[in-house]
C-alpha atoms as a PDB file:
ATOM      1  CA  MET A   1     -26.520 -40.730 -31.239  1.00  0.00           C
ATOM      2  CA  LYS A   2     -28.238 -39.116 -27.794  1.00  0.00           C
ATOM      3  CA  ARG A   3     -24.861 -39.393 -25.724  1.00  0.00           C
ATOM      4  CA  PRO A   4     -22.665 -37.100 -27.929  1.00  0.00           C
ATOM      5  CA  PHE A   5     -25.421 -34.449 -27.993  1.00  0.00           C
ATOM      6  CA  PHE A   6     -25.757 -35.150 -23.954  1.00  0.00           C
ATOM      7  CA  ILE A   7     -21.772 -34.649 -23.420  1.00  0.00           C
ATOM      8  CA  LEU A   8     -21.928 -31.539 -25.857  1.00  0.00           C
ATOM      9  CA  ALA A   9     -24.827 -30.160 -23.685  1.00  0.00           C
ATOM     10  CA  LEU A  10     -23.010 -30.624 -20.699  1.00  0.00           C
ATOM     11  CA  GLY A  11     -19.878 -29.260 -21.551  1.00  0.00           C
ATOM     12  CA  LEU A  12     -21.735 -26.253 -23.074  1.00  0.00           C
ATOM     13  CA  LEU A  13     -23.334 -25.541 -19.659  1.00  0.00           C
ATOM     14  CA  ALA A  14     -20.092 -25.688 -17.736  1.00  0.00           C
ATOM     15  CA  THR A  15     -18.402 -23.161 -19.753  1.00  0.00           C
ATOM     16  CA  ALA A  16     -21.838 -20.898 -19.631  1.00  0.00           C
ATOM     17  CA  PRO A  17     -21.171 -17.874 -17.838  1.00  0.00           C
ATOM     18  CA  HIS A  18     -22.601 -17.639 -14.447  1.00  0.00           C
ATOM     19  CA  PRO A  19     -25.031 -14.813 -13.303  1.00  0.00           C
ATOM     20  CA  ALA A  20     -23.682 -12.176 -11.554  1.00  0.00           C
ATOM     21  CA  SER A  21     -23.693 -12.103  -8.040  1.00  0.00           C
ATOM     22  CA  ALA A  22     -24.370  -8.849  -5.639  1.00  0.00           C
ATOM     23  CA  THR A  23     -20.583  -8.478  -5.300  1.00  0.00           C
ATOM     24  CA  ASP A  24     -20.104  -8.099  -9.132  1.00  0.00           C
ATOM     25  CA  GLN A  25     -20.784  -4.733  -9.648  1.00  0.00           C
ATOM     26  CA  LEU A  26     -20.349  -2.916 -12.759  1.00  0.00           C
ATOM     27  CA  PRO A  27     -18.326   0.455 -12.405  1.00  0.00           C
ATOM     28  CA  ASN A  28     -21.358   2.589 -14.350  1.00  0.00           C
ATOM     29  CA  GLN A  29     -24.030   0.033 -13.384  1.00  0.00           C
ATOM     30  CA  GLY A  30     -25.944   3.108 -12.304  1.00  0.00           C
ATOM     31  CA  SER A  31     -26.050   4.251 -16.315  1.00  0.00           C
ATOM     32  CA  VAL A  32     -27.593   0.747 -17.379  1.00  0.00           C
ATOM     33  CA  LEU A  33     -30.288   0.466 -14.296  1.00  0.00           C
ATOM     34  CA  ALA A  34     -31.438   4.352 -15.195  1.00  0.00           C
ATOM     35  CA  GLY A  35     -32.219   3.303 -18.616  1.00  0.00           C
ATOM     36  CA  PRO A  36     -36.094   3.041 -17.874  1.00  0.00           C
ATOM     37  CA  CYS A  37     -35.650   6.518 -16.588  1.00  0.00           C
ATOM     38  CA  ALA A  38     -34.880   8.218 -19.487  1.00  0.00           C
ATOM     39  CA  SER A  39     -38.402   7.886 -21.221  1.00  0.00           C
ATOM     40  CA  CYS A  40     -39.871  10.311 -18.789  1.00  0.00           C
ATOM     41  CA  HIS A  41     -36.848  11.964 -17.026  1.00  0.00           C
ATOM     42  CA  GLY A  42     -34.663  12.484 -20.120  1.00  0.00           C
ATOM     43  CA  SER A  43     -31.282  10.553 -20.199  1.00  0.00           C
ATOM     44  CA  ASP A  44     -29.347  13.035 -18.657  1.00  0.00           C
ATOM     45  CA  GLY A  45     -32.438  13.354 -15.704  1.00  0.00           C
ATOM     46  CA  SER A  46     -33.179  17.029 -16.625  1.00  0.00           C
ATOM     47  CA  GLY A  47     -36.762  16.589 -16.989  1.00  0.00           C
ATOM     48  CA  ALA A  48     -39.372  17.528 -19.228  1.00  0.00           C
ATOM     49  CA  GLY A  49     -42.812  19.647 -18.837  1.00  0.00           C
ATOM     50  CA  ALA A  50     -44.333  18.435 -15.811  1.00  0.00           C
ATOM     51  CA  ILE A  51     -41.647  15.657 -15.253  1.00  0.00           C
ATOM     52  CA  PRO A  52     -39.647  16.770 -12.414  1.00  0.00           C
ATOM     53  CA  ALA A  53     -35.601  17.099 -12.744  1.00  0.00           C
ATOM     54  CA  LEU A  54     -33.394  14.749 -11.335  1.00  0.00           C
ATOM     55  CA  LYS A  55     -30.465  15.742 -12.368  1.00  0.00           C
ATOM     56  CA  GLY A  56     -28.300  17.985  -9.727  1.00  0.00           C
ATOM     57  CA  ARG A  57     -30.335  16.974  -6.796  1.00  0.00           C
ATOM     58  CA  PRO A  58     -28.854  15.539  -3.783  1.00  0.00           C
ATOM     59  CA  ALA A  59     -28.590  12.010  -4.445  1.00  0.00           C
ATOM     60  CA  SER A  60     -29.517  11.287  -0.373  1.00  0.00           C
ATOM     61  CA  VAL A  61     -32.673  13.211  -1.372  1.00  0.00           C
ATOM     62  CA  LEU A  62     -33.437  11.097  -4.451  1.00  0.00           C
ATOM     63  CA  LEU A  63     -32.453   8.021  -2.347  1.00  0.00           C
ATOM     64  CA  ASP A  64     -35.171   8.866   0.292  1.00  0.00           C
ATOM     65  CA  GLN A  65     -37.941   9.214  -2.405  1.00  0.00           C
ATOM     66  CA  LEU A  66     -37.475   6.261  -4.466  1.00  0.00           C
ATOM     67  CA  LYS A  67     -37.705   4.311  -1.125  1.00  0.00           C
ATOM     68  CA  ALA A  68     -40.570   6.322  -0.181  1.00  0.00           C
ATOM     69  CA  PHE A  69     -42.261   5.668  -3.729  1.00  0.00           C
ATOM     70  CA  ARG A  70     -41.458   1.896  -3.396  1.00  0.00           C
ATOM     71  CA  SER A  71     -42.824   1.596   0.172  1.00  0.00           C
ATOM     72  CA  GLY A  72     -46.002   3.783  -1.061  1.00  0.00           C
ATOM     73  CA  ALA A  73     -45.313   6.174   1.615  1.00  0.00           C
ATOM     74  CA  LEU A  74     -44.972   8.705  -1.277  1.00  0.00           C
ATOM     75  CA  PRO A  75     -48.079   8.473  -3.517  1.00  0.00           C
ATOM     76  CA  SER A  76     -47.335   8.066  -7.369  1.00  0.00           C
ATOM     77  CA  THR A  77     -49.005   7.149 -10.450  1.00  0.00           C
ATOM     78  CA  VAL A  78     -45.757   5.314 -12.269  1.00  0.00           C
ATOM     79  CA  MET A  79     -42.634   5.644  -9.925  1.00  0.00           C
ATOM     80  CA  GLY A  80     -43.971   3.133  -7.155  1.00  0.00           C
ATOM     81  CA  ARG A  81     -44.839   0.512  -9.284  1.00  0.00           C
ATOM     82  CA  LEU A  82     -41.062   1.098 -10.917  1.00  0.00           C
ATOM     83  CA  ALA A  83     -39.517   1.479  -7.876  1.00  0.00           C
ATOM     84  CA  LYS A  84     -40.613  -2.082  -6.275  1.00  0.00           C
ATOM     85  CA  GLY A  85     -38.568  -3.620  -9.119  1.00  0.00           C
ATOM     86  CA  TYR A  86     -35.217  -2.225  -7.625  1.00  0.00           C
ATOM     87  CA  SER A  87     -33.146  -3.380  -4.459  1.00  0.00           C
ATOM     88  CA  ASP A  88     -31.884  -1.035  -2.147  1.00  0.00           C
ATOM     89  CA  ASP A  89     -28.679  -1.163  -3.897  1.00  0.00           C
ATOM     90  CA  GLN A  90     -29.926  -0.517  -7.049  1.00  0.00           C
ATOM     91  CA  LEU A  91     -31.989   2.492  -5.700  1.00  0.00           C
ATOM     92  CA  SER A  92     -28.717   3.619  -3.911  1.00  0.00           C
ATOM     93  CA  GLN A  93     -26.767   3.473  -7.369  1.00  0.00           C
ATOM     94  CA  LEU A  94     -29.501   5.389  -9.399  1.00  0.00           C
ATOM     95  CA  ALA A  95     -29.634   8.228  -6.809  1.00  0.00           C
ATOM     96  CA  ALA A  96     -25.883   8.593  -7.314  1.00  0.00           C
ATOM     97  CA  HIS A  97     -26.094   8.318 -10.916  1.00  0.00           C
ATOM     98  CA  PHE A  98     -28.569  11.201 -10.966  1.00  0.00           C
ATOM     99  CA  GLY A  99     -27.864  13.239  -8.073  1.00  0.00           C
ATOM    100  CA  ASP A 100     -25.047  15.355  -6.882  1.00  0.00           C
ATOM    101  CA  LYS A 101     -22.414  13.462  -4.729  1.00  0.00           C
END
């Protein structure tokens, strides 16, 4: 009884999708990565109240600021902790998503 289950489990594992590698980029991954940003900066990056707008700022400036938040060079209450969860490539995609090219 255990053997058929084991064979079935191996078969399912063999056909399971493999994790995406760094080279498997989704064409619109920036919008997926930007999900957590929407709660403060708005879904389109327009900002609200005291929260600064991201939309329309140069992508290179946004990228520099995200990296500065991550390293602690730019003080913040929340952004430093959030930025630490992203790779350099992901920060680039976020900057490109919100910023002007």
